[in-house]
Amino acid sequence: MNSKDLYNAFQDIDDDILERSDSFSRKKTLWITFAAAAACLLLVIGAIALLPHIKQQSLDPQSGGFVLSPQTTATVSYDYDNITPASKEQLEYFTEEEMFALENLYIFRGEVTKLTNIAIDFKGEKERRCIAEIAITEVYKGDISVGDQITMLLPCQINVDPHMEDTGIIRQIETGMEGIFMPIVYNKDSYMEMNGAVLMFRDLADCGLGDGIRWAFLSTDHGIVFAREAYKGAQYANSLDDIEEYVIEMLS
């Protein structure tokens, strides 16, 4: 058979045969695509199975408990026991000008409406904290408003071991107490990692105190309480109104 005969033979192939061949080719391509997608899905499922187990708890039938994000692998629970905190935080040195100049800071006046001690389990290593709920009455800095109810994570539990270092001021906080607070604002990337487990701070509160000595001015039955050595310009303050004037002056 010469080249002319071969060309004529191809010309005589039934169009129906060509259509069936083209259909088979398309089906084969679709099958290969589906198989590849299925293989990718199996890989994703396998990867998820290898991730650390994320344990979420419905801790309080009334409130629904903490809603933890997928990034949080620590277990959080209410803690009503008197347990001595497990860690002491180091105080980083700031001048009073530097403290007020921090960008990721709320500064507000408000009344403490609720205090809830919690335990955070980092795969067997526990941290003891407290969540304070505060009704805001004045705003000096930050994207918050008067009347807002804000949640603030404290660096220790309340009514437990009052002699714990680095928490001497904030341990005097009580429900119904008024104060001026300077907490760090939590964003979606704020987290704490310990013992291979992660806690996303925003799962628990809107903001939090960097330590228990500075960042809070409390009006107690025994007068105004704050770290006078950290705020030289407010050494002679005797009331929250005095602190308010000092804060406004520092921010201006």
C-alpha atoms as a PDB file:
ATOM      1  CA  MET A   1       0.000   0.000   0.000  1.00  0.00           C
ATOM      2  CA  ASN A   2       1.468   3.329  -1.086  1.00  0.00           C
ATOM      3  CA  SER A   3       0.960   6.692   0.637  1.00  0.00           C
ATOM      4  CA  LYS A   4      -1.975   7.549  -1.632  1.00  0.00           C
ATOM      5  CA  ASP A   5      -3.788   4.315  -0.718  1.00  0.00           C
ATOM      6  CA  LEU A   6      -3.152   5.001   3.012  1.00  0.00           C
ATOM      7  CA  TYR A   7      -4.571   8.493   2.721  1.00  0.00           C
ATOM      8  CA  ASN A   8      -7.695   7.176   0.969  1.00  0.00           C
ATOM      9  CA  ALA A   9      -8.150   4.535   3.659  1.00  0.00           C
ATOM     10  CA  PHE A  10      -8.232   7.186   6.386  1.00  0.00           C
ATOM     11  CA  GLN A  11     -10.636   9.245   4.369  1.00  0.00           C
ATOM     12  CA  ASP A  12     -13.050   6.280   4.245  1.00  0.00           C
ATOM     13  CA  ILE A  13     -13.203   5.804   8.078  1.00  0.00           C
ATOM     14  CA  ASP A  14     -16.782   6.019   9.285  1.00  0.00           C
ATOM     15  CA  ASP A  15     -17.556   9.348  11.010  1.00  0.00           C
ATOM     16  CA  ASP A  16     -19.435   7.398  13.707  1.00  0.00           C
ATOM     17  CA  ILE A  17     -16.261   5.516  14.600  1.00  0.00           C
ATOM     18  CA  LEU A  18     -14.385   8.778  14.965  1.00  0.00           C
ATOM     19  CA  GLU A  19     -17.114  10.174  17.222  1.00  0.00           C
ATOM     20  CA  ARG A  20     -17.010   7.064  19.438  1.00  0.00           C
ATOM     21  CA  SER A  21     -13.234   7.361  19.604  1.00  0.00           C
ATOM     22  CA  ASP A  22     -13.431  11.037  20.577  1.00  0.00           C
ATOM     23  CA  SER A  23     -16.048  10.240  23.239  1.00  0.00           C
ATOM     24  CA  PHE A  24     -13.816   7.542  24.707  1.00  0.00           C
ATOM     25  CA  SER A  25     -10.894   9.983  24.803  1.00  0.00           C
ATOM     26  CA  ARG A  26     -12.955  12.566  26.686  1.00  0.00           C
ATOM     27  CA  LYS A  27     -14.201   9.943  29.176  1.00  0.00           C
ATOM     28  CA  LYS A  28     -10.648   8.785  29.757  1.00  0.00           C
ATOM     29  CA  THR A  29      -9.509  12.365  30.404  1.00  0.00           C
ATOM     30  CA  LEU A  30     -12.396  12.941  32.856  1.00  0.00           C
ATOM     31  CA  TRP A  31     -11.590   9.700  34.678  1.00  0.00           C
ATOM     32  CA  ILE A  32      -7.934  10.694  35.052  1.00  0.00           C
ATOM     33  CA  THR A  33      -8.972  14.136  36.401  1.00  0.00           C
ATOM     34  CA  PHE A  34     -11.414  12.559  38.883  1.00  0.00           C
ATOM     35  CA  ALA A  35      -8.784  10.066  40.052  1.00  0.00           C
ATOM     36  CA  ALA A  36      -6.275  12.875  40.651  1.00  0.00           C
ATOM     37  CA  ALA A  37      -8.840  14.881  42.645  1.00  0.00           C
ATOM     38  CA  ALA A  38      -9.732  11.837  44.740  1.00  0.00           C
ATOM     39  CA  ALA A  39      -6.066  11.210  45.476  1.00  0.00           C
ATOM     40  CA  CYS A  40      -5.642  14.836  46.653  1.00  0.00           C
ATOM     41  CA  LEU A  41      -8.699  14.493  48.888  1.00  0.00           C
ATOM     42  CA  LEU A  42      -7.259  11.362  50.488  1.00  0.00           C
ATOM     43  CA  LEU A  43      -3.988  13.203  51.144  1.00  0.00           C
ATOM     44  CA  VAL A  44      -5.862  16.073  52.847  1.00  0.00           C
ATOM     45  CA  ILE A  45      -7.874  13.640  55.000  1.00  0.00           C
ATOM     46  CA  GLY A  46      -4.682  11.857  55.968  1.00  0.00           C
ATOM     47  CA  ALA A  47      -2.976  15.127  56.889  1.00  0.00           C
ATOM     48  CA  ILE A  48      -5.928  16.143  59.081  1.00  0.00           C
ATOM     49  CA  ALA A  49      -5.783  12.798  60.844  1.00  0.00           C
ATOM     50  CA  LEU A  50      -2.152  13.481  61.733  1.00  0.00           C
ATOM     51  CA  LEU A  51      -2.851  16.906  63.295  1.00  0.00           C
ATOM     52  CA  PRO A  52      -2.922  17.196  67.120  1.00  0.00           C
ATOM     53  CA  HIS A  53      -6.324  16.404  68.524  1.00  0.00           C
ATOM     54  CA  ILE A  54      -8.325  19.605  69.076  1.00  0.00           C
ATOM     55  CA  LYS A  55     -10.551  19.298  72.115  1.00  0.00           C
ATOM     56  CA  GLN A  56     -13.398  21.772  72.407  1.00  0.00           C
ATOM     57  CA  GLN A  57     -15.597  21.879  75.481  1.00  0.00           C
ATOM     58  CA  SER A  58     -19.050  23.217  76.175  1.00  0.00           C
ATOM     59  CA  LEU A  59     -18.155  24.355  79.643  1.00  0.00           C
ATOM     60  CA  ASP A  60     -21.173  26.296  80.818  1.00  0.00           C
ATOM     61  CA  PRO A  61     -24.714  25.353  79.762  1.00  0.00           C
ATOM     62  CA  GLN A  62     -25.802  28.951  80.337  1.00  0.00           C
ATOM     63  CA  SER A  63     -23.134  30.694  78.287  1.00  0.00           C
ATOM     64  CA  GLY A  64     -22.336  27.896  75.842  1.00  0.00           C
ATOM     65  CA  GLY A  65     -18.715  27.746  76.947  1.00  0.00           C
ATOM     66  CA  PHE A  66     -15.649  28.897  75.034  1.00  0.00           C
ATOM     67  CA  VAL A  67     -15.767  28.678  71.254  1.00  0.00           C
ATOM     68  CA  LEU A  68     -12.229  27.744  70.307  1.00  0.00           C
ATOM     69  CA  SER A  69     -10.767  28.363  66.867  1.00  0.00           C
ATOM     70  CA  PRO A  70      -9.045  25.547  64.943  1.00  0.00           C
ATOM     71  CA  GLN A  71      -5.646  27.068  65.751  1.00  0.00           C
ATOM     72  CA  THR A  72      -6.139  26.555  69.497  1.00  0.00           C
ATOM     73  CA  THR A  73      -4.941  23.107  70.520  1.00  0.00           C
ATOM     74  CA  ALA A  74      -4.908  23.806  74.247  1.00  0.00           C
ATOM     75  CA  THR A  75      -7.906  22.832  76.393  1.00  0.00           C
ATOM     76  CA  VAL A  76      -9.656  25.622  78.291  1.00  0.00           C
ATOM     77  CA  SER A  77     -11.938  25.047  81.267  1.00  0.00           C
ATOM     78  CA  TYR A  78     -13.536  27.009  84.061  1.00  0.00           C
ATOM     79  CA  ASP A  79     -11.529  26.622  87.241  1.00  0.00           C
ATOM     80  CA  TYR A  80     -13.331  27.178  90.524  1.00  0.00           C
ATOM     81  CA  ASP A  81     -10.631  25.528  92.635  1.00  0.00           C
ATOM     82  CA  ASN A  82      -8.084  27.483  94.627  1.00  0.00           C
ATOM     83  CA  ILE A  83      -5.012  26.445  92.683  1.00  0.00           C
ATOM     84  CA  THR A  84      -1.691  28.242  92.921  1.00  0.00           C
ATOM     85  CA  PRO A  85      -0.686  29.665  89.517  1.00  0.00           C
ATOM     86  CA  ALA A  86       2.024  27.722  87.748  1.00  0.00           C
ATOM     87  CA  SER A  87       4.105  30.489  86.220  1.00  0.00           C
ATOM     88  CA  LYS A  88       5.527  33.933  86.922  1.00  0.00           C
ATOM     89  CA  GLU A  89       5.772  36.494  84.146  1.00  0.00           C
ATOM     90  CA  GLN A  90       8.857  38.610  83.594  1.00  0.00           C
ATOM     91  CA  LEU A  91       8.341  42.365  83.665  1.00  0.00           C
ATOM     92  CA  GLU A  92       9.767  44.067  80.592  1.00  0.00           C
ATOM     93  CA  TYR A  93      11.082  47.533  81.324  1.00  0.00           C
ATOM     94  CA  PHE A  94       9.239  50.493  79.806  1.00  0.00           C
ATOM     95  CA  THR A  95       9.337  54.156  80.688  1.00  0.00           C
ATOM     96  CA  GLU A  96       5.923  55.699  81.328  1.00  0.00           C
ATOM     97  CA  GLU A  97       6.217  57.564  78.016  1.00  0.00           C
ATOM     98  CA  GLU A  98       6.863  54.274  76.193  1.00  0.00           C
ATOM     99  CA  MET A  99       3.915  52.569  77.863  1.00  0.00           C
ATOM    100  CA  PHE A 100       1.456  55.234  76.747  1.00  0.00           C
ATOM    101  CA  ALA A 101       3.006  55.321  73.250  1.00  0.00           C
ATOM    102  CA  LEU A 102       2.366  51.632  72.550  1.00  0.00           C
ATOM    103  CA  GLU A 103       0.067  51.324  69.539  1.00  0.00           C
ATOM    104  CA  ASN A 104      -1.711  48.064  70.310  1.00  0.00           C
ATOM    105  CA  LEU A 105      -3.170  49.376  73.565  1.00  0.00           C
ATOM    106  CA  TYR A 106      -6.636  50.131  74.918  1.00  0.00           C
ATOM    107  CA  ILE A 107      -6.842  52.724  77.686  1.00  0.00           C
ATOM    108  CA  PHE A 108     -10.237  53.061  79.328  1.00  0.00           C
ATOM    109  CA  ARG A 109     -12.116  53.538  82.582  1.00  0.00           C
ATOM    110  CA  GLY A 110     -14.746  51.067  83.630  1.00  0.00           C
ATOM    111  CA  GLU A 111     -16.454  48.951  86.254  1.00  0.00           C
ATOM    112  CA  VAL A 112     -15.666  45.261  86.752  1.00  0.00           C
ATOM    113  CA  THR A 113     -18.894  43.297  86.307  1.00  0.00           C
ATOM    114  CA  LYS A 114     -17.620  39.708  86.400  1.00  0.00           C
ATOM    115  CA  LEU A 115     -14.495  37.690  87.205  1.00  0.00           C
ATOM    116  CA  THR A 116     -14.065  34.082  86.070  1.00  0.00           C
ATOM    117  CA  ASN A 117     -11.047  31.949  86.946  1.00  0.00           C
ATOM    118  CA  ILE A 118      -9.996  29.526  84.211  1.00  0.00           C
ATOM    119  CA  ALA A 119      -7.416  26.791  83.690  1.00  0.00           C
ATOM    120  CA  ILE A 120      -5.614  26.335  80.366  1.00  0.00           C
ATOM    121  CA  ASP A 121      -4.169  22.869  79.783  1.00  0.00           C
ATOM    122  CA  PHE A 122      -1.199  22.853  77.414  1.00  0.00           C
ATOM    123  CA  LYS A 123      -1.004  19.065  77.043  1.00  0.00           C
ATOM    124  CA  GLY A 124      -0.494  18.492  80.735  1.00  0.00           C
ATOM    125  CA  GLU A 125       1.157  21.811  81.591  1.00  0.00           C
ATOM    126  CA  LYS A 126      -1.397  24.169  83.134  1.00  0.00           C
ATOM    127  CA  GLU A 127      -1.727  27.939  83.242  1.00  0.00           C
ATOM    128  CA  ARG A 128      -4.130  29.618  85.679  1.00  0.00           C
ATOM    129  CA  ARG A 129      -5.770  32.840  84.514  1.00  0.00           C
ATOM    130  CA  CYS A 130      -8.894  34.935  85.022  1.00  0.00           C
ATOM    131  CA  ILE A 131     -11.234  36.619  82.567  1.00  0.00           C
ATOM    132  CA  ALA A 132     -12.557  40.004  83.696  1.00  0.00           C
ATOM    133  CA  GLU A 133     -15.652  41.539  82.142  1.00  0.00           C
ATOM    134  CA  ILE A 134     -15.677  45.328  82.319  1.00  0.00           C
ATOM    135  CA  ALA A 135     -18.355  47.887  81.439  1.00  0.00           C
ATOM    136  CA  ILE A 136     -16.603  50.857  79.821  1.00  0.00           C
ATOM    137  CA  THR A 137     -17.461  54.325  81.146  1.00  0.00           C
ATOM    138  CA  GLU A 138     -14.677  56.427  79.561  1.00  0.00           C
ATOM    139  CA  VAL A 139     -12.365  55.819  76.588  1.00  0.00           C
ATOM    140  CA  TYR A 140      -8.947  57.459  76.322  1.00  0.00           C
ATOM    141  CA  LYS A 141      -7.349  55.343  73.613  1.00  0.00           C
ATOM    142  CA  GLY A 142      -8.505  52.619  71.224  1.00  0.00           C
ATOM    143  CA  ASP A 143     -11.361  51.714  68.913  1.00  0.00           C
ATOM    144  CA  ILE A 144     -13.884  51.054  71.683  1.00  0.00           C
ATOM    145  CA  SER A 145     -16.889  52.997  72.961  1.00  0.00           C
ATOM    146  CA  VAL A 146     -18.537  54.024  76.200  1.00  0.00           C
ATOM    147  CA  GLY A 147     -21.147  51.409  77.080  1.00  0.00           C
ATOM    148  CA  ASP A 148     -19.196  48.524  75.554  1.00  0.00           C
ATOM    149  CA  GLN A 149     -18.721  45.403  77.649  1.00  0.00           C
ATOM    150  CA  ILE A 150     -15.156  44.236  77.148  1.00  0.00           C
ATOM    151  CA  THR A 151     -13.418  41.017  78.183  1.00  0.00           C
ATOM    152  CA  MET A 152      -9.873  41.211  79.512  1.00  0.00           C
ATOM    153  CA  LEU A 153      -7.519  38.301  80.256  1.00  0.00           C
ATOM    154  CA  LEU A 154      -5.656  38.684  83.561  1.00  0.00           C
ATOM    155  CA  PRO A 155      -2.216  37.104  84.100  1.00  0.00           C
ATOM    156  CA  CYS A 156      -3.314  35.243  87.230  1.00  0.00           C
ATOM    157  CA  GLN A 157      -6.319  33.876  89.060  1.00  0.00           C
ATOM    158  CA  ILE A 158      -8.188  36.065  91.528  1.00  0.00           C
ATOM    159  CA  ASN A 159      -8.683  35.238  95.233  1.00  0.00           C
ATOM    160  CA  VAL A 160      -5.874  32.681  94.974  1.00  0.00           C
ATOM    161  CA  ASP A 161      -2.389  33.039  96.509  1.00  0.00           C
ATOM    162  CA  PRO A 162      -2.369  36.840  97.023  1.00  0.00           C
ATOM    163  CA  HIS A 163       1.428  36.806  97.533  1.00  0.00           C
ATOM    164  CA  MET A 164       2.222  35.659  93.998  1.00  0.00           C
ATOM    165  CA  GLU A 165       4.993  37.763  92.459  1.00  0.00           C
ATOM    166  CA  ASP A 166       4.326  40.073  89.507  1.00  0.00           C
ATOM    167  CA  THR A 167       0.572  40.166  90.197  1.00  0.00           C
ATOM    168  CA  GLY A 168       0.325  42.285  93.351  1.00  0.00           C
ATOM    169  CA  ILE A 169      -1.871  45.051  91.914  1.00  0.00           C
ATOM    170  CA  ILE A 170      -4.326  43.133  89.795  1.00  0.00           C
ATOM    171  CA  ARG A 171      -4.931  40.526  92.516  1.00  0.00           C
ATOM    172  CA  GLN A 172      -6.842  43.198  94.417  1.00  0.00           C
ATOM    173  CA  ILE A 173      -9.455  43.485  91.668  1.00  0.00           C
ATOM    174  CA  GLU A 174     -13.072  42.707  92.643  1.00  0.00           C
ATOM    175  CA  THR A 175     -16.469  42.740  90.982  1.00  0.00           C
ATOM    176  CA  GLY A 176     -18.102  46.143  91.338  1.00  0.00           C
ATOM    177  CA  MET A 177     -14.706  47.846  91.480  1.00  0.00           C
ATOM    178  CA  GLU A 178     -13.892  50.783  89.243  1.00  0.00           C
ATOM    179  CA  GLY A 179     -10.540  51.185  87.561  1.00  0.00           C
ATOM    180  CA  ILE A 180      -8.532  52.550  84.667  1.00  0.00           C
ATOM    181  CA  PHE A 181      -7.002  49.809  82.537  1.00  0.00           C
ATOM    182  CA  MET A 182      -4.312  49.687  79.847  1.00  0.00           C
ATOM    183  CA  PRO A 183      -4.548  46.209  78.260  1.00  0.00           C
ATOM    184  CA  ILE A 184      -2.882  44.936  75.102  1.00  0.00           C
ATOM    185  CA  VAL A 185      -5.320  44.552  72.202  1.00  0.00           C
ATOM    186  CA  TYR A 186      -5.484  40.992  70.865  1.00  0.00           C
ATOM    187  CA  ASN A 187      -5.657  40.448  67.117  1.00  0.00           C
ATOM    188  CA  LYS A 188      -6.265  37.284  65.101  1.00  0.00           C
ATOM    189  CA  ASP A 189      -2.559  36.393  65.318  1.00  0.00           C
ATOM    190  CA  SER A 190      -2.119  36.843  69.091  1.00  0.00           C
ATOM    191  CA  TYR A 191      -1.258  33.501  70.616  1.00  0.00           C
ATOM    192  CA  MET A 192       0.595  31.666  73.375  1.00  0.00           C
ATOM    193  CA  GLU A 193       2.427  28.390  72.797  1.00  0.00           C
ATOM    194  CA  MET A 194       3.558  25.990  75.481  1.00  0.00           C
ATOM    195  CA  ASN A 195       4.457  22.315  75.538  1.00  0.00           C
ATOM    196  CA  GLY A 196       3.515  21.885  71.885  1.00  0.00           C
ATOM    197  CA  ALA A 197      -0.011  23.314  72.315  1.00  0.00           C
ATOM    198  CA  VAL A 198      -1.333  26.675  71.123  1.00  0.00           C
ATOM    199  CA  LEU A 199      -3.838  29.116  72.608  1.00  0.00           C
ATOM    200  CA  MET A 200      -5.269  31.865  70.404  1.00  0.00           C
ATOM    201  CA  PHE A 201      -5.941  34.710  72.849  1.00  0.00           C
ATOM    202  CA  ARG A 202      -8.938  36.015  70.914  1.00  0.00           C
ATOM    203  CA  ASP A 203     -10.730  32.746  71.738  1.00  0.00           C
ATOM    204  CA  LEU A 204     -10.869  33.936  75.348  1.00  0.00           C
ATOM    205  CA  ALA A 205     -10.872  37.730  75.472  1.00  0.00           C
ATOM    206  CA  ASP A 206     -10.713  41.008  73.564  1.00  0.00           C
ATOM    207  CA  CYS A 207      -7.550  42.143  75.299  1.00  0.00           C
ATOM    208  CA  GLY A 208      -5.200  41.274  78.151  1.00  0.00           C
ATOM    209  CA  LEU A 209      -2.831  42.725  80.730  1.00  0.00           C
ATOM    210  CA  GLY A 210       0.882  42.314  80.102  1.00  0.00           C
ATOM    211  CA  ASP A 211       1.496  41.762  83.804  1.00  0.00           C
ATOM    212  CA  GLY A 212      -0.327  42.127  87.113  1.00  0.00           C
ATOM    213  CA  ILE A 213       1.539  45.141  88.484  1.00  0.00           C
ATOM    214  CA  ARG A 214       1.431  47.816  85.782  1.00  0.00           C
ATOM    215  CA  TRP A 215      -1.355  48.539  83.266  1.00  0.00           C
ATOM    216  CA  ALA A 216      -4.113  48.895  85.904  1.00  0.00           C
ATOM    217  CA  PHE A 217      -5.203  51.609  88.363  1.00  0.00           C
ATOM    218  CA  LEU A 218      -7.762  50.331  90.871  1.00  0.00           C
ATOM    219  CA  SER A 219     -10.076  52.234  93.195  1.00  0.00           C
ATOM    220  CA  THR A 220     -10.228  50.060  96.327  1.00  0.00           C
ATOM    221  CA  ASP A 221     -11.720  50.485  99.791  1.00  0.00           C
ATOM    222  CA  HIS A 222      -8.208  51.459 100.896  1.00  0.00           C
ATOM    223  CA  GLY A 223      -7.724  54.111  98.237  1.00  0.00           C
ATOM    224  CA  ILE A 224      -6.239  54.173  94.764  1.00  0.00           C
ATOM    225  CA  VAL A 225      -3.848  51.290  94.032  1.00  0.00           C
ATOM    226  CA  PHE A 226      -1.311  51.237  91.179  1.00  0.00           C
ATOM    227  CA  ALA A 227       2.413  50.862  90.515  1.00  0.00           C
ATOM    228  CA  ARG A 228       3.547  54.320  91.606  1.00  0.00           C
ATOM    229  CA  GLU A 229       7.173  53.510  90.861  1.00  0.00           C
ATOM    230  CA  ALA A 230       6.271  52.914  87.187  1.00  0.00           C
ATOM    231  CA  TYR A 231       4.281  56.149  86.806  1.00  0.00           C
ATOM    232  CA  LYS A 232       6.455  58.938  88.180  1.00  0.00           C
ATOM    233  CA  GLY A 233       4.060  61.587  86.918  1.00  0.00           C
ATOM    234  CA  ALA A 234       1.205  60.140  88.963  1.00  0.00           C
ATOM    235  CA  GLN A 235       3.005  59.540  92.256  1.00  0.00           C
ATOM    236  CA  TYR A 236       0.749  61.925  94.161  1.00  0.00           C
ATOM    237  CA  ALA A 237      -2.549  60.779  92.632  1.00  0.00           C
ATOM    238  CA  ASN A 238      -5.221  60.024  95.243  1.00  0.00           C
ATOM    239  CA  SER A 239      -8.218  59.119  93.078  1.00  0.00           C
ATOM    240  CA  LEU A 240      -9.192  57.773  89.686  1.00  0.00           C
ATOM    241  CA  ASP A 241     -10.022  61.332  88.663  1.00  0.00           C
ATOM    242  CA  ASP A 242      -6.391  62.253  89.357  1.00  0.00           C
ATOM    243  CA  ILE A 243      -5.284  59.261  87.268  1.00  0.00           C
ATOM    244  CA  GLU A 244      -7.654  60.309  84.497  1.00  0.00           C
ATOM    245  CA  GLU A 245      -6.046  63.764  84.324  1.00  0.00           C
ATOM    246  CA  TYR A 246      -2.603  62.151  84.268  1.00  0.00           C
ATOM    247  CA  VAL A 247      -3.601  59.731  81.473  1.00  0.00           C
ATOM    248  CA  ILE A 248      -5.053  62.510  79.319  1.00  0.00           C
ATOM    249  CA  GLU A 249      -1.899  64.587  79.829  1.00  0.00           C
ATOM    250  CA  MET A 250       0.354  61.667  78.882  1.00  0.00           C
ATOM    251  CA  LEU A 251      -1.653  60.941  75.726  1.00  0.00           C
ATOM    252  CA  SER A 252      -1.604  64.601  74.657  1.00  0.00           C
END
